[in-house]
């Protein structure tokens, strides 16, 4: 059954049958444990807001882990002067952790599901990623979900190559109005959902539905 023909509950139930992967980076003298998951941390201006992100796509998680390793390695080289001067215990290593999502009691949590790249999804991430500025009209991003706090959110991945902000710039017309139809068409052709998906946990309650 195609994802567009499924209910939100059916989509999350199917997600619960898959392994979820989280790619990150730790130093040689540390490890990443379930207890260390902090849903209040995370990068700003992410697709669904601050939270703990996973995907059903292991390759994506591995790429994310390697990317974070490269980022921190560059910082350490800048700090110590050369890669050979980095203490072994501080040397970064890529880590991919696997989890399972329990969808047996969805009535106990507040969740949001985006089953496709559409205007509702675009408006939501526009607020979370703060895409509007002096050149882009804020009024065109009407979103009934933007101030809601969800335990769990599932939907398409957006960033990568090309970056969303460059696509937005490409399809922004004079007066700061975005051609959403063309933008969404290019996003859909640039990414492969549901192969490239993401599920995020945003509250401690949502974390209770996550298992190692």
Protein backbone atom coordinates (compact mmCIF):
# COMPACT_ATOMS: atom_id res chain seq x y z
CA UNK A 1 0.00 0.00 0.00
CA UNK A 2 1.41 3.40 -0.99
CA UNK A 3 2.18 5.79 1.85
CA UNK A 4 -0.33 8.38 0.58
CA UNK A 5 -3.13 5.84 0.99
CA UNK A 6 -2.26 5.09 4.61
CA UNK A 7 -3.59 6.73 7.73
CA UNK A 8 -1.15 8.43 10.10
CA UNK A 9 -1.59 5.54 12.51
CA UNK A 10 -0.79 3.01 9.79
CA UNK A 11 2.33 4.95 8.83
CA UNK A 12 3.64 5.02 12.40
CA UNK A 13 2.73 1.36 12.89
CA UNK A 14 4.82 0.53 9.84
CA UNK A 15 7.68 2.64 11.17
CA UNK A 16 7.55 0.64 14.39
CA UNK A 17 8.31 -2.50 12.37
CA UNK A 18 11.56 -0.98 11.10
CA UNK A 19 14.87 -0.33 12.80
CA UNK A 20 15.53 3.38 13.34
CA UNK A 21 19.07 4.70 13.03
CA UNK A 22 20.73 7.73 14.61
CA UNK A 23 24.13 8.85 13.35
CA UNK A 24 26.36 10.84 15.64
CA UNK A 25 29.96 11.32 16.75
CA UNK A 26 31.71 10.71 20.08
CA UNK A 27 35.30 10.85 21.31
CA UNK A 28 37.36 7.68 21.68
CA UNK A 29 37.00 7.66 25.46
CA UNK A 30 33.21 7.93 25.49
CA UNK A 31 30.20 6.09 24.13
CA UNK A 32 26.63 7.03 23.28
CA UNK A 33 23.99 5.52 25.53
CA UNK A 34 20.21 5.65 25.54
CA UNK A 35 20.30 7.58 28.82
CA UNK A 36 22.27 10.36 27.12
CA UNK A 37 19.45 11.21 24.72
CA UNK A 38 18.42 14.79 25.46
CA UNK A 39 15.43 15.90 23.40
CA UNK A 40 15.96 19.53 24.43
CA UNK A 41 19.30 19.68 22.66
CA UNK A 42 20.14 19.54 19.01
CA UNK A 43 20.87 21.90 16.18
CA UNK A 44 18.76 25.00 15.71
CA UNK A 45 16.61 25.52 12.63
CA UNK A 46 16.15 21.81 11.95
CA UNK A 47 13.22 20.51 9.88
CA UNK A 48 10.91 19.73 12.79
CA UNK A 49 12.60 21.80 15.52
CA UNK A 50 14.98 20.76 18.27
CA UNK A 51 14.76 17.07 19.04
CA UNK A 52 16.33 13.63 18.65
CA UNK A 53 16.30 12.59 14.99
CA UNK A 54 16.39 9.12 13.45
CA UNK A 55 15.74 7.53 10.08
CA UNK A 56 14.83 4.13 8.68
CA UNK A 57 17.66 4.61 6.17
CA UNK A 58 20.89 3.24 7.68
CA UNK A 59 23.03 4.69 4.88
CA UNK A 60 21.75 8.17 5.71
CA UNK A 61 22.60 7.68 9.38
CA UNK A 62 26.12 6.50 8.49
CA UNK A 63 26.63 9.56 6.27
CA UNK A 64 25.41 11.80 9.10
CA UNK A 65 27.81 10.18 11.57
CA UNK A 66 30.77 10.55 9.20
CA UNK A 67 29.82 14.16 8.50
CA UNK A 68 29.77 15.00 12.20
CA UNK A 69 33.08 13.20 12.69
CA UNK A 70 34.67 15.31 9.93
CA UNK A 71 33.24 18.49 11.44
CA UNK A 72 34.61 17.81 14.92
CA UNK A 73 37.93 16.61 13.53
CA UNK A 74 38.38 19.94 11.75
CA UNK A 75 37.64 21.76 15.01
CA UNK A 76 40.20 19.65 16.90
CA UNK A 77 42.85 20.22 14.22
CA UNK A 78 42.23 23.96 14.46
CA UNK A 79 42.57 23.76 18.25
CA UNK A 80 45.66 21.53 18.47
CA UNK A 81 47.41 22.62 15.29
CA UNK A 82 47.61 19.25 13.52
CA UNK A 83 45.88 15.90 13.44
CA UNK A 84 48.93 14.25 15.01
CA UNK A 85 48.68 16.46 18.09
CA UNK A 86 45.10 15.46 18.94
CA UNK A 87 45.06 13.28 22.08
CA UNK A 88 43.92 9.76 21.26
CA UNK A 89 41.14 9.89 23.83
CA UNK A 90 39.70 13.01 22.18
CA UNK A 91 39.87 11.70 18.63
CA UNK A 92 36.33 11.59 17.16
CA UNK A 93 34.69 8.44 15.88
CA UNK A 94 31.47 7.96 13.96
CA UNK A 95 28.73 6.03 15.75
CA UNK A 96 25.39 4.73 14.48
CA UNK A 97 22.88 3.63 17.09
CA UNK A 98 19.73 1.64 16.39
CA UNK A 99 16.33 1.97 18.05
CA UNK A 100 12.74 0.78 17.78
CA UNK A 101 9.63 2.91 18.05
CA UNK A 102 6.65 1.55 20.00
CA UNK A 103 3.43 2.44 18.16
CA UNK A 104 1.15 0.28 20.28
CA UNK A 105 -0.28 3.17 22.33
CA UNK A 106 -0.39 6.14 19.98
CA UNK A 107 -3.44 7.55 21.75
CA UNK A 108 -1.16 8.44 24.67
CA UNK A 109 1.07 10.79 22.69
CA UNK A 110 0.68 13.81 20.46
CA UNK A 111 2.14 13.14 17.03
CA UNK A 112 2.34 14.76 13.63
CA UNK A 113 2.81 12.91 10.35
CA UNK A 114 3.66 14.34 6.93
CA UNK A 115 3.09 11.72 4.24
CA UNK A 116 4.41 13.78 1.34
CA UNK A 117 6.15 16.96 0.26
CA UNK A 118 3.19 19.33 0.23
CA UNK A 119 2.35 22.90 1.19
CA UNK A 120 1.41 21.97 4.77
CA UNK A 121 4.82 20.33 5.23
CA UNK A 122 6.61 23.27 3.57
CA UNK A 123 4.88 25.85 5.77
CA UNK A 124 5.76 23.86 8.89
CA UNK A 125 9.46 23.52 8.16
CA UNK A 126 9.60 27.13 6.96
CA UNK A 127 8.73 28.17 10.51
CA UNK A 128 11.06 25.66 12.16
CA UNK A 129 13.98 26.50 9.86
CA UNK A 130 13.07 30.22 9.84
CA UNK A 131 13.24 30.49 6.07
CA UNK A 132 11.57 33.85 5.90
CA UNK A 133 13.63 37.04 6.00
CA UNK A 134 13.57 40.54 4.58
CA UNK A 135 13.40 39.11 1.05
CA UNK A 136 10.77 36.44 1.72
CA UNK A 137 7.21 37.24 2.76
CA UNK A 138 6.24 35.75 6.15
CA UNK A 139 2.51 35.87 5.45
CA UNK A 140 2.63 33.10 2.83
CA UNK A 141 3.66 30.50 5.44
CA UNK A 142 0.34 30.01 7.22
CA UNK A 143 0.80 27.04 9.56
CA UNK A 144 -1.65 25.74 12.13
CA UNK A 145 1.01 23.45 13.65
CA UNK A 146 3.86 25.92 14.15
CA UNK A 147 3.27 26.60 17.86
CA UNK A 148 2.14 23.11 18.82
CA UNK A 149 4.41 20.86 20.88
CA UNK A 150 4.47 17.31 19.54
CA UNK A 151 5.97 14.25 21.19
CA UNK A 152 6.81 12.65 17.85
CA UNK A 153 7.00 13.92 14.26
CA UNK A 154 7.52 11.85 11.12
CA UNK A 155 7.97 12.96 7.56
CA UNK A 156 10.24 13.58 4.56
CA UNK A 157 13.84 14.65 4.79
CA UNK A 158 14.62 17.95 3.16
CA UNK A 159 18.19 19.12 3.60
CA UNK A 160 21.28 17.73 2.01
CA UNK A 161 22.32 18.64 -1.51
CA UNK A 162 20.88 20.89 -2.76
CA UNK A 163 20.18 22.83 0.41
CA UNK A 164 16.61 23.97 0.88
CA UNK A 165 17.59 27.61 1.34
CA UNK A 166 19.12 27.69 -2.13
CA UNK A 167 16.03 26.13 -3.66
CA UNK A 168 13.87 28.69 -1.85
CA UNK A 169 16.02 31.51 -3.19
CA UNK A 170 15.75 30.11 -6.72
CA UNK A 171 11.95 30.11 -6.63
CA UNK A 172 11.40 33.39 -4.80
CA UNK A 173 9.80 35.95 -7.05
CA UNK A 174 9.83 39.73 -6.81
CA UNK A 175 8.08 40.89 -3.67
CA UNK A 176 9.27 37.90 -1.66
CA UNK A 177 6.60 35.50 -2.88
CA UNK A 178 7.69 31.89 -3.34
CA UNK A 179 6.47 29.80 -6.25
CA UNK A 180 5.55 26.90 -3.97
CA UNK A 181 4.36 24.62 -6.74
CA UNK A 182 7.71 24.71 -8.56
CA UNK A 183 9.65 24.59 -5.28
CA UNK A 184 7.81 21.49 -4.09
CA UNK A 185 8.21 19.87 -7.51
CA UNK A 186 11.99 20.31 -7.37
CA UNK A 187 12.19 19.13 -3.76
CA UNK A 188 10.21 16.01 -4.67
CA UNK A 189 12.59 15.27 -7.56
CA UNK A 190 15.71 16.02 -5.48
CA UNK A 191 14.85 13.71 -2.59
CA UNK A 192 13.40 10.23 -2.38
CA UNK A 193 10.70 9.92 0.27
CA UNK A 194 9.91 7.60 2.01
CA UNK A 195 13.39 6.15 1.38
CA UNK A 196 14.81 9.39 2.76
CA UNK A 197 12.70 9.87 5.87
CA UNK A 198 13.08 11.09 9.42
CA UNK A 199 11.33 10.66 12.74
CA UNK A 200 12.03 13.01 15.62
CA UNK A 201 11.37 12.84 19.36
CA UNK A 202 10.67 16.20 21.02
CA UNK A 203 9.56 15.43 24.58
CA UNK A 204 10.45 13.13 27.44
CA UNK A 205 7.05 11.50 26.96
CA UNK A 206 7.91 10.75 23.36
CA UNK A 207 11.22 9.27 24.45
CA UNK A 208 9.33 6.66 26.49
CA UNK A 209 8.09 5.18 23.20
CA UNK A 210 11.66 4.64 22.03
CA UNK A 211 13.48 1.40 22.77
CA UNK A 212 17.03 0.19 22.18
